[in-house]
Amino acid sequence: QVQLVESGGGLVQAGGSLRLSCAASGRTFSNYAMGWFRQAPGKEREFVAASSKGGITYYADSVQGRFTVSRDNAKNTVFLQMNSLKSDDTAVYYCVVEYGPKVTIAAPYWGKGTLVTVSP
């Protein structure tokens, strides 16, 4: 019943920007941490960014200063604004929700992912 659907991925040149969205249904997640993981083919899945129930945001060192995570609890939606994109940002981006201060690899709810490709 719980479902997370990502959108906004696509092809962008290095230095450009994209905004990802994740619409959640089946449950209200205002009391959950919401965020993003990503995975490039053949590489491990890694944490990207998260927003806690208390409004605290967390970022991986690799995206700090370039990405911004935000949420609209009234719409049960989380966003990821990605600026100054690099080729290393190319990956499938997954929306994640978890009851706790942050999202982890063990989170119970995952979207199917949206592909972001950054060209040189």
C-alpha atoms as a PDB file:
ATOM      1  CA  GLN A   1       0.000   0.000   0.000  1.00  0.00           C
ATOM      2  CA  VAL A   2       2.877   2.387   0.783  1.00  0.00           C
ATOM      3  CA  GLN A   3       4.408   3.628  -2.438  1.00  0.00           C
ATOM      4  CA  LEU A   4       7.098   6.183  -3.283  1.00  0.00           C
ATOM      5  CA  VAL A   5       7.318   7.460  -6.863  1.00  0.00           C
ATOM      6  CA  GLU A   6      10.308   9.507  -8.015  1.00  0.00           C
ATOM      7  CA  SER A   7      10.302  11.901 -10.956  1.00  0.00           C
ATOM      8  CA  GLY A   8      12.495  14.591 -12.486  1.00  0.00           C
ATOM      9  CA  GLY A   9      15.461  12.560 -13.643  1.00  0.00           C
ATOM     10  CA  GLY A  10      16.998  12.964 -17.065  1.00  0.00           C
ATOM     11  CA  LEU A  11      20.064  13.990 -19.033  1.00  0.00           C
ATOM     12  CA  VAL A  12      21.861  17.199 -18.100  1.00  0.00           C
ATOM     13  CA  GLN A  13      25.246  18.714 -18.904  1.00  0.00           C
ATOM     14  CA  ALA A  14      27.902  19.091 -16.238  1.00  0.00           C
ATOM     15  CA  GLY A  15      27.343  22.283 -14.290  1.00  0.00           C
ATOM     16  CA  GLY A  16      23.597  22.150 -14.833  1.00  0.00           C
ATOM     17  CA  SER A  17      20.733  21.557 -12.429  1.00  0.00           C
ATOM     18  CA  LEU A  18      17.872  19.136 -11.886  1.00  0.00           C
ATOM     19  CA  ARG A  19      15.119  18.905  -9.308  1.00  0.00           C
ATOM     20  CA  LEU A  20      13.902  15.494  -8.242  1.00  0.00           C
ATOM     21  CA  SER A  21      10.526  14.918  -6.637  1.00  0.00           C
ATOM     22  CA  CYS A  22       9.157  11.982  -4.676  1.00  0.00           C
ATOM     23  CA  ALA A  23       5.430  11.613  -4.090  1.00  0.00           C
ATOM     24  CA  ALA A  24       4.483   9.278  -1.254  1.00  0.00           C
ATOM     25  CA  SER A  25       1.145   7.553  -0.810  1.00  0.00           C
ATOM     26  CA  GLY A  26      -0.453   5.052   1.541  1.00  0.00           C
ATOM     27  CA  ARG A  27       0.754   6.787   4.687  1.00  0.00           C
ATOM     28  CA  THR A  28       1.531  10.263   6.022  1.00  0.00           C
ATOM     29  CA  PHE A  29       5.291  10.595   6.538  1.00  0.00           C
ATOM     30  CA  SER A  30       5.438  13.904   8.407  1.00  0.00           C
ATOM     31  CA  ASN A  31       6.890  12.091  11.444  1.00  0.00           C
ATOM     32  CA  TYR A  32       9.490  10.221   9.386  1.00  0.00           C
ATOM     33  CA  ALA A  33      12.845  11.142   7.998  1.00  0.00           C
ATOM     34  CA  MET A  34      12.702  11.453   4.209  1.00  0.00           C
ATOM     35  CA  GLY A  35      15.629  11.504   1.849  1.00  0.00           C
ATOM     36  CA  TRP A  36      17.614  10.090  -1.024  1.00  0.00           C
ATOM     37  CA  PHE A  37      20.108   7.381  -1.858  1.00  0.00           C
ATOM     38  CA  ARG A  38      21.763   6.826  -5.212  1.00  0.00           C
ATOM     39  CA  GLN A  39      23.459   3.963  -7.018  1.00  0.00           C
ATOM     40  CA  ALA A  40      25.602   3.920 -10.133  1.00  0.00           C
ATOM     41  CA  PRO A  41      25.810   0.654 -12.129  1.00  0.00           C
ATOM     42  CA  GLY A  42      28.356  -1.681 -10.573  1.00  0.00           C
ATOM     43  CA  LYS A  43      28.808   0.525  -7.512  1.00  0.00           C
ATOM     44  CA  GLU A  44      27.466   0.453  -3.982  1.00  0.00           C
ATOM     45  CA  ARG A  45      24.325   2.296  -3.034  1.00  0.00           C
ATOM     46  CA  GLU A  46      25.187   5.441  -1.086  1.00  0.00           C
ATOM     47  CA  PHE A  47      23.444   8.021   1.046  1.00  0.00           C
ATOM     48  CA  VAL A  48      22.843  11.421  -0.576  1.00  0.00           C
ATOM     49  CA  ALA A  49      20.647  13.639   1.598  1.00  0.00           C
ATOM     50  CA  ALA A  50      17.856  13.535   4.173  1.00  0.00           C
ATOM     51  CA  SER A  51      15.447  15.737   6.108  1.00  0.00           C
ATOM     52  CA  SER A  52      14.395  14.759   9.624  1.00  0.00           C
ATOM     53  CA  LYS A  53      11.049  15.236  11.347  1.00  0.00           C
ATOM     54  CA  GLY A  54      12.616  18.140  13.246  1.00  0.00           C
ATOM     55  CA  GLY A  55      13.719  19.881  10.056  1.00  0.00           C
ATOM     56  CA  ILE A  56      17.405  19.025  10.315  1.00  0.00           C
ATOM     57  CA  THR A  57      19.047  18.247   6.991  1.00  0.00           C
ATOM     58  CA  TYR A  58      21.942  15.884   6.307  1.00  0.00           C
ATOM     59  CA  TYR A  59      24.181  15.586   3.266  1.00  0.00           C
ATOM     60  CA  ALA A  60      26.897  13.325   2.020  1.00  0.00           C
ATOM     61  CA  ASP A  61      30.247  15.080   1.784  1.00  0.00           C
ATOM     62  CA  SER A  62      30.229  14.553  -1.980  1.00  0.00           C
ATOM     63  CA  VAL A  63      27.089  16.693  -2.453  1.00  0.00           C
ATOM     64  CA  GLN A  64      27.414  19.189   0.405  1.00  0.00           C
ATOM     65  CA  GLY A  65      27.000  22.727  -0.902  1.00  0.00           C
ATOM     66  CA  ARG A  66      25.561  21.585  -4.229  1.00  0.00           C
ATOM     67  CA  PHE A  67      22.374  19.684  -3.327  1.00  0.00           C
ATOM     68  CA  THR A  68      19.429  20.788  -1.193  1.00  0.00           C
ATOM     69  CA  VAL A  69      16.801  18.471   0.251  1.00  0.00           C
ATOM     70  CA  SER A  70      13.383  19.820   1.207  1.00  0.00           C
ATOM     71  CA  ARG A  71       9.920  18.491   1.924  1.00  0.00           C
ATOM     72  CA  ASP A  72       6.279  19.497   1.724  1.00  0.00           C
ATOM     73  CA  ASN A  73       4.467  17.534   4.407  1.00  0.00           C
ATOM     74  CA  ALA A  74       1.048  18.779   3.276  1.00  0.00           C
ATOM     75  CA  LYS A  75       1.694  17.090  -0.068  1.00  0.00           C
ATOM     76  CA  ASN A  76       3.626  14.133   1.371  1.00  0.00           C
ATOM     77  CA  THR A  77       6.473  14.967  -0.976  1.00  0.00           C
ATOM     78  CA  VAL A  78      10.248  15.282  -0.706  1.00  0.00           C
ATOM     79  CA  PHE A  79      12.506  17.085  -3.184  1.00  0.00           C
ATOM     80  CA  LEU A  80      16.161  17.108  -4.110  1.00  0.00           C
ATOM     81  CA  GLN A  81      17.486  20.233  -5.808  1.00  0.00           C
ATOM     82  CA  MET A  82      20.764  19.348  -7.526  1.00  0.00           C
ATOM     83  CA  ASN A  83      23.041  22.154  -8.699  1.00  0.00           C
ATOM     84  CA  SER A  84      26.533  22.210 -10.195  1.00  0.00           C
ATOM     85  CA  LEU A  85      26.109  18.629 -11.328  1.00  0.00           C
ATOM     86  CA  LYS A  86      29.172  16.524 -12.060  1.00  0.00           C
ATOM     87  CA  SER A  87      29.665  13.361 -14.076  1.00  0.00           C
ATOM     88  CA  ASP A  88      30.168  11.504 -10.789  1.00  0.00           C
ATOM     89  CA  ASP A  89      26.567  12.361  -9.874  1.00  0.00           C
ATOM     90  CA  THR A  90      25.314  10.025 -12.611  1.00  0.00           C
ATOM     91  CA  ALA A  91      23.231   7.360 -10.870  1.00  0.00           C
ATOM     92  CA  VAL A  92      19.766   6.064 -10.175  1.00  0.00           C
ATOM     93  CA  TYR A  93      18.354   8.153  -7.358  1.00  0.00           C
ATOM     94  CA  TYR A  94      16.037   6.478  -4.855  1.00  0.00           C
ATOM     95  CA  CYS A  95      13.544   8.144  -2.554  1.00  0.00           C
ATOM     96  CA  VAL A  96      13.662   6.697   0.984  1.00  0.00           C
ATOM     97  CA  VAL A  97      11.568   7.126   4.145  1.00  0.00           C
ATOM     98  CA  GLU A  98      12.350   5.832   7.626  1.00  0.00           C
ATOM     99  CA  TYR A  99      11.123   6.421  11.174  1.00  0.00           C
ATOM    100  CA  GLY A 100      14.151   8.002  12.804  1.00  0.00           C
ATOM    101  CA  PRO A 101      16.509  10.968  12.607  1.00  0.00           C
ATOM    102  CA  LYS A 102      18.012   9.934   9.265  1.00  0.00           C
ATOM    103  CA  VAL A 103      17.445   7.522   6.422  1.00  0.00           C
ATOM    104  CA  THR A 104      19.641   4.433   6.269  1.00  0.00           C
ATOM    105  CA  ILE A 105      20.331   1.558   3.909  1.00  0.00           C
ATOM    106  CA  ALA A 106      17.937  -0.491   6.080  1.00  0.00           C
ATOM    107  CA  ALA A 107      15.004   1.868   5.505  1.00  0.00           C
ATOM    108  CA  PRO A 108      11.681   0.042   5.058  1.00  0.00           C
ATOM    109  CA  TYR A 109      10.291   2.134   2.200  1.00  0.00           C
ATOM    110  CA  TRP A 110      12.013   2.748  -1.138  1.00  0.00           C
ATOM    111  CA  GLY A 111      10.977   4.137  -4.482  1.00  0.00           C
ATOM    112  CA  LYS A 112      11.853   2.414  -7.742  1.00  0.00           C
ATOM    113  CA  GLY A 113      14.340   5.135  -8.653  1.00  0.00           C
ATOM    114  CA  THR A 114      14.830   7.798 -11.301  1.00  0.00           C
ATOM    115  CA  LEU A 115      17.906   7.955 -13.538  1.00  0.00           C
ATOM    116  CA  VAL A 116      20.101  11.052 -13.582  1.00  0.00           C
ATOM    117  CA  THR A 117      22.755  11.194 -16.296  1.00  0.00           C
ATOM    118  CA  VAL A 118      25.304  14.012 -16.306  1.00  0.00           C
ATOM    119  CA  SER A 119      27.251  14.429 -19.533  1.00  0.00           C
ATOM    120  CA  PRO A 120      30.679  16.081 -19.761  1.00  0.00           C
END
